[in-house]
Every structure is written in structure tokens, then in C-alpha cells.
Amino acid sequence: MEGERYQPLAAVYPKGAQQLIESHLAQGKYSMQGFVRDALEAGLVQSLPLESSEVIYFTNWNQPSDWQSQPPAYPSQQT
């Protein structure tokens, strides 16, 4: 979890979550954030906090300028 948002694609979901997933899809609920909150409430998953050093690995980069504005993840990437 980063702040109030989960990183739902960096996860392992149990087979028992299938019914919840199918229910969300059938209801047109496509938000992974909502799904994770419901899965947490149902006791299907647990949330683990991100360490500050890990946040860079979960940054949303959509454009080259997004990459350029981020600090290097590894010393070898410094210019």
C-alpha cells in the first residue's frame, strides 16, 4: 500500500477470491482499488506497506517525461 492506494497488480490472490472477482465483474465494478478493499474486508488478502525505497518500483510512468522526472533506482542510472 502506498498512501491510501493499493498496488493490486503486485499481488497474489487466493483461489477463494474468484467469487468476489466474478461478482465485481458482473456488477460492472472494474476498479481494482475497490476489489482489493472488498477482498481485505472479506479476509481474503492482507495489505503490506511499501518501504520508502520501494515506492519508485510502483510509480506510474506513461510518458518519457515521467521517467526523466524520477530519481534513478540504481546508481548506474545516474547521469
N, C-alpha and C. Protein backbone atom coordinates (compact mmCIF):
# COMPACT_ATOMS: atom_id res chain seq x y z
N MET A 1 0.85 -1.17 0.00
CA MET A 1 0.00 0.00 0.00
C MET A 1 0.89 1.23 0.00
N GLU A 2 0.54 2.17 -0.82
CA GLU A 2 1.25 3.44 -0.90
C GLU A 2 0.24 4.54 -0.60
N GLY A 3 0.38 5.18 0.56
CA GLY A 3 -0.62 6.16 0.97
C GLY A 3 -1.94 5.46 1.16
N GLU A 4 -2.96 5.91 0.45
CA GLU A 4 -4.28 5.30 0.54
C GLU A 4 -4.58 4.40 -0.66
N ARG A 5 -3.58 4.17 -1.49
CA ARG A 5 -3.79 3.37 -2.70
C ARG A 5 -3.03 2.07 -2.61
N TYR A 6 -3.66 1.03 -3.12
CA TYR A 6 -3.04 -0.29 -3.16
C TYR A 6 -2.34 -0.49 -4.49
N GLN A 7 -1.40 -1.41 -4.53
CA GLN A 7 -0.73 -1.82 -5.76
C GLN A 7 -1.28 -3.20 -6.12
N PRO A 8 -2.49 -3.26 -6.69
CA PRO A 8 -3.19 -4.53 -6.86
C PRO A 8 -2.58 -5.49 -7.88
N LEU A 9 -1.72 -5.01 -8.74
CA LEU A 9 -1.13 -5.91 -9.73
C LEU A 9 0.13 -6.57 -9.20
N ALA A 10 0.66 -6.06 -8.10
CA ALA A 10 1.81 -6.68 -7.43
C ALA A 10 1.26 -7.49 -6.28
N ALA A 11 0.53 -8.54 -6.62
CA ALA A 11 -0.18 -9.29 -5.59
C ALA A 11 -0.37 -10.74 -6.01
N VAL A 12 -0.68 -11.54 -5.03
CA VAL A 12 -1.08 -12.93 -5.25
C VAL A 12 -2.46 -13.07 -4.62
N TYR A 13 -3.42 -13.49 -5.42
CA TYR A 13 -4.78 -13.62 -4.92
C TYR A 13 -5.12 -15.10 -4.76
N PRO A 14 -5.80 -15.45 -3.69
CA PRO A 14 -6.15 -16.85 -3.47
C PRO A 14 -7.29 -17.29 -4.39
N LYS A 15 -7.37 -18.57 -4.63
CA LYS A 15 -8.46 -19.11 -5.45
C LYS A 15 -9.81 -18.72 -4.86
N GLY A 16 -9.87 -18.57 -3.54
CA GLY A 16 -11.11 -18.19 -2.88
C GLY A 16 -11.61 -16.81 -3.26
N ALA A 17 -10.78 -16.01 -3.91
CA ALA A 17 -11.19 -14.67 -4.34
C ALA A 17 -11.96 -14.69 -5.66
N GLN A 18 -12.01 -15.84 -6.30
CA GLN A 18 -12.67 -15.92 -7.61
C GLN A 18 -14.12 -15.46 -7.56
N GLN A 19 -14.85 -15.88 -6.55
CA GLN A 19 -16.27 -15.49 -6.46
C GLN A 19 -16.41 -13.98 -6.32
N LEU A 20 -15.55 -13.37 -5.53
CA LEU A 20 -15.58 -11.91 -5.36
C LEU A 20 -15.24 -11.22 -6.68
N ILE A 21 -14.25 -11.73 -7.38
CA ILE A 21 -13.87 -11.16 -8.68
C ILE A 21 -15.04 -11.25 -9.65
N GLU A 22 -15.65 -12.43 -9.75
CA GLU A 22 -16.77 -12.61 -10.66
C GLU A 22 -17.94 -11.71 -10.30
N SER A 23 -18.18 -11.53 -9.01
CA SER A 23 -19.26 -10.65 -8.55
C SER A 23 -18.98 -9.21 -8.97
N HIS A 24 -17.76 -8.77 -8.78
CA HIS A 24 -17.40 -7.40 -9.17
C HIS A 24 -17.60 -7.21 -10.67
N LEU A 25 -17.12 -8.15 -11.46
CA LEU A 25 -17.25 -8.02 -12.91
C LEU A 25 -18.71 -8.03 -13.35
N ALA A 26 -19.51 -8.90 -12.76
CA ALA A 26 -20.94 -8.99 -13.11
C ALA A 26 -21.68 -7.70 -12.78
N GLN A 27 -21.21 -6.98 -11.76
CA GLN A 27 -21.84 -5.73 -11.36
C GLN A 27 -21.23 -4.51 -12.07
N GLY A 28 -20.29 -4.76 -12.98
CA GLY A 28 -19.65 -3.66 -13.68
C GLY A 28 -18.67 -2.89 -12.81
N LYS A 29 -18.22 -3.50 -11.75
CA LYS A 29 -17.22 -2.87 -10.86
C LYS A 29 -15.84 -3.30 -11.34
N TYR A 30 -15.17 -2.41 -12.06
CA TYR A 30 -13.88 -2.76 -12.66
C TYR A 30 -12.70 -2.16 -11.91
N SER A 31 -12.95 -1.43 -10.86
CA SER A 31 -11.87 -0.81 -10.09
C SER A 31 -11.13 -1.85 -9.26
N MET A 32 -9.83 -1.97 -9.50
CA MET A 32 -9.02 -2.88 -8.68
C MET A 32 -8.91 -2.36 -7.25
N GLN A 33 -8.93 -1.04 -7.07
CA GLN A 33 -8.87 -0.49 -5.71
C GLN A 33 -10.08 -0.97 -4.91
N GLY A 34 -11.26 -0.91 -5.51
CA GLY A 34 -12.47 -1.36 -4.84
C GLY A 34 -12.43 -2.85 -4.57
N PHE A 35 -11.94 -3.61 -5.54
CA PHE A 35 -11.83 -5.05 -5.35
C PHE A 35 -10.90 -5.37 -4.18
N VAL A 36 -9.75 -4.72 -4.13
CA VAL A 36 -8.80 -5.00 -3.05
C VAL A 36 -9.40 -4.64 -1.70
N ARG A 37 -10.09 -3.50 -1.63
CA ARG A 37 -10.73 -3.12 -0.36
C ARG A 37 -11.74 -4.19 0.08
N ASP A 38 -12.54 -4.68 -0.86
CA ASP A 38 -13.52 -5.72 -0.53
C ASP A 38 -12.84 -7.04 -0.15
N ALA A 39 -11.75 -7.37 -0.84
CA ALA A 39 -11.01 -8.60 -0.52
C ALA A 39 -10.37 -8.51 0.86
N LEU A 40 -9.88 -7.33 1.21
CA LEU A 40 -9.34 -7.12 2.56
C LEU A 40 -10.43 -7.29 3.61
N GLU A 41 -11.57 -6.66 3.35
CA GLU A 41 -12.69 -6.73 4.29
C GLU A 41 -13.18 -8.17 4.47
N ALA A 42 -13.11 -8.96 3.40
CA ALA A 42 -13.55 -10.36 3.46
C ALA A 42 -12.47 -11.27 4.05
N GLY A 43 -11.31 -10.72 4.33
CA GLY A 43 -10.22 -11.52 4.90
C GLY A 43 -9.53 -12.42 3.88
N LEU A 44 -9.67 -12.10 2.60
CA LEU A 44 -9.07 -12.91 1.54
C LEU A 44 -7.61 -12.56 1.29
N VAL A 45 -7.24 -11.33 1.58
CA VAL A 45 -5.87 -10.86 1.35
C VAL A 45 -5.44 -10.01 2.53
N GLN A 46 -4.16 -9.71 2.57
CA GLN A 46 -3.65 -8.78 3.56
C GLN A 46 -2.83 -7.71 2.85
N SER A 47 -2.76 -6.55 3.42
CA SER A 47 -2.03 -5.43 2.84
C SER A 47 -0.68 -5.32 3.53
N LEU A 48 0.34 -5.09 2.73
CA LEU A 48 1.68 -4.88 3.25
C LEU A 48 2.14 -3.48 2.85
N PRO A 49 2.69 -2.72 3.78
CA PRO A 49 3.13 -1.37 3.43
C PRO A 49 4.38 -1.41 2.55
N LEU A 50 4.50 -0.41 1.70
CA LEU A 50 5.71 -0.26 0.90
C LEU A 50 6.74 0.52 1.72
N GLU A 51 7.97 0.08 1.65
CA GLU A 51 9.07 0.85 2.23
C GLU A 51 9.31 2.04 1.30
N SER A 52 9.80 3.13 1.85
CA SER A 52 10.03 4.32 1.01
C SER A 52 10.98 4.02 -0.14
N SER A 53 11.92 3.11 0.05
CA SER A 53 12.86 2.76 -1.01
C SER A 53 12.21 1.92 -2.11
N GLU A 54 11.02 1.39 -1.88
CA GLU A 54 10.33 0.55 -2.86
C GLU A 54 9.33 1.33 -3.72
N VAL A 55 8.97 2.52 -3.30
CA VAL A 55 7.92 3.29 -3.99
C VAL A 55 8.26 3.50 -5.45
N ILE A 56 9.51 3.74 -5.78
CA ILE A 56 9.90 4.01 -7.17
C ILE A 56 9.51 2.85 -8.10
N TYR A 57 9.48 1.65 -7.59
CA TYR A 57 9.15 0.49 -8.42
C TYR A 57 7.66 0.41 -8.75
N PHE A 58 6.87 1.23 -8.13
CA PHE A 58 5.42 1.22 -8.35
C PHE A 58 4.93 2.56 -8.89
N THR A 59 5.83 3.36 -9.41
CA THR A 59 5.49 4.66 -9.96
C THR A 59 4.84 4.47 -11.33
N ASN A 60 3.82 5.25 -11.61
CA ASN A 60 3.11 5.18 -12.87
C ASN A 60 3.82 6.06 -13.90
N TRP A 61 4.42 5.44 -14.89
CA TRP A 61 5.13 6.16 -15.94
C TRP A 61 4.39 5.96 -17.25
N ASN A 62 3.84 7.04 -17.79
CA ASN A 62 3.10 6.96 -19.04
C ASN A 62 3.79 7.66 -20.20
N GLN A 63 4.70 8.56 -19.88
CA GLN A 63 5.37 9.34 -20.91
C GLN A 63 6.86 9.42 -20.59
N PRO A 64 7.70 9.68 -21.59
CA PRO A 64 9.13 9.81 -21.31
C PRO A 64 9.43 10.87 -20.24
N SER A 65 8.65 11.93 -20.19
CA SER A 65 8.89 12.97 -19.19
C SER A 65 8.67 12.45 -17.77
N ASP A 66 7.79 11.46 -17.60
CA ASP A 66 7.58 10.86 -16.28
C ASP A 66 8.86 10.16 -15.82
N TRP A 67 9.51 9.47 -16.72
CA TRP A 67 10.75 8.76 -16.40
C TRP A 67 11.85 9.76 -16.05
N GLN A 68 11.94 10.82 -16.81
CA GLN A 68 13.01 11.80 -16.61
C GLN A 68 12.88 12.54 -15.29
N SER A 69 11.67 12.63 -14.76
CA SER A 69 11.47 13.37 -13.51
C SER A 69 11.71 12.52 -12.27
N GLN A 70 11.98 11.22 -12.46
CA GLN A 70 12.17 10.31 -11.32
C GLN A 70 13.64 10.18 -10.97
N PRO A 71 13.93 10.02 -9.68
CA PRO A 71 15.32 9.76 -9.31
C PRO A 71 15.72 8.37 -9.79
N PRO A 72 17.00 8.15 -10.06
CA PRO A 72 17.42 6.84 -10.53
C PRO A 72 17.20 5.77 -9.47
N ALA A 73 16.78 4.59 -9.91
CA ALA A 73 16.55 3.48 -8.99
C ALA A 73 17.87 2.83 -8.60
N TYR A 74 18.82 2.88 -9.49
CA TYR A 74 20.12 2.26 -9.25
C TYR A 74 21.20 3.30 -9.52
N PRO A 75 22.29 3.26 -8.79
CA PRO A 75 23.38 4.23 -9.02
C PRO A 75 23.87 4.24 -10.46
N SER A 76 23.84 3.11 -11.16
CA SER A 76 24.33 3.05 -12.53
C SER A 76 23.46 3.85 -13.50
N GLN A 77 22.26 4.26 -13.08
CA GLN A 77 21.38 5.03 -13.95
C GLN A 77 21.62 6.53 -13.83
N GLN A 78 22.49 6.93 -12.93
CA GLN A 78 22.75 8.36 -12.75
C GLN A 78 23.54 8.87 -13.93
N THR A 79 23.21 10.09 -14.36
CA THR A 79 23.92 10.68 -15.49
C THR A 79 24.71 11.88 -15.05
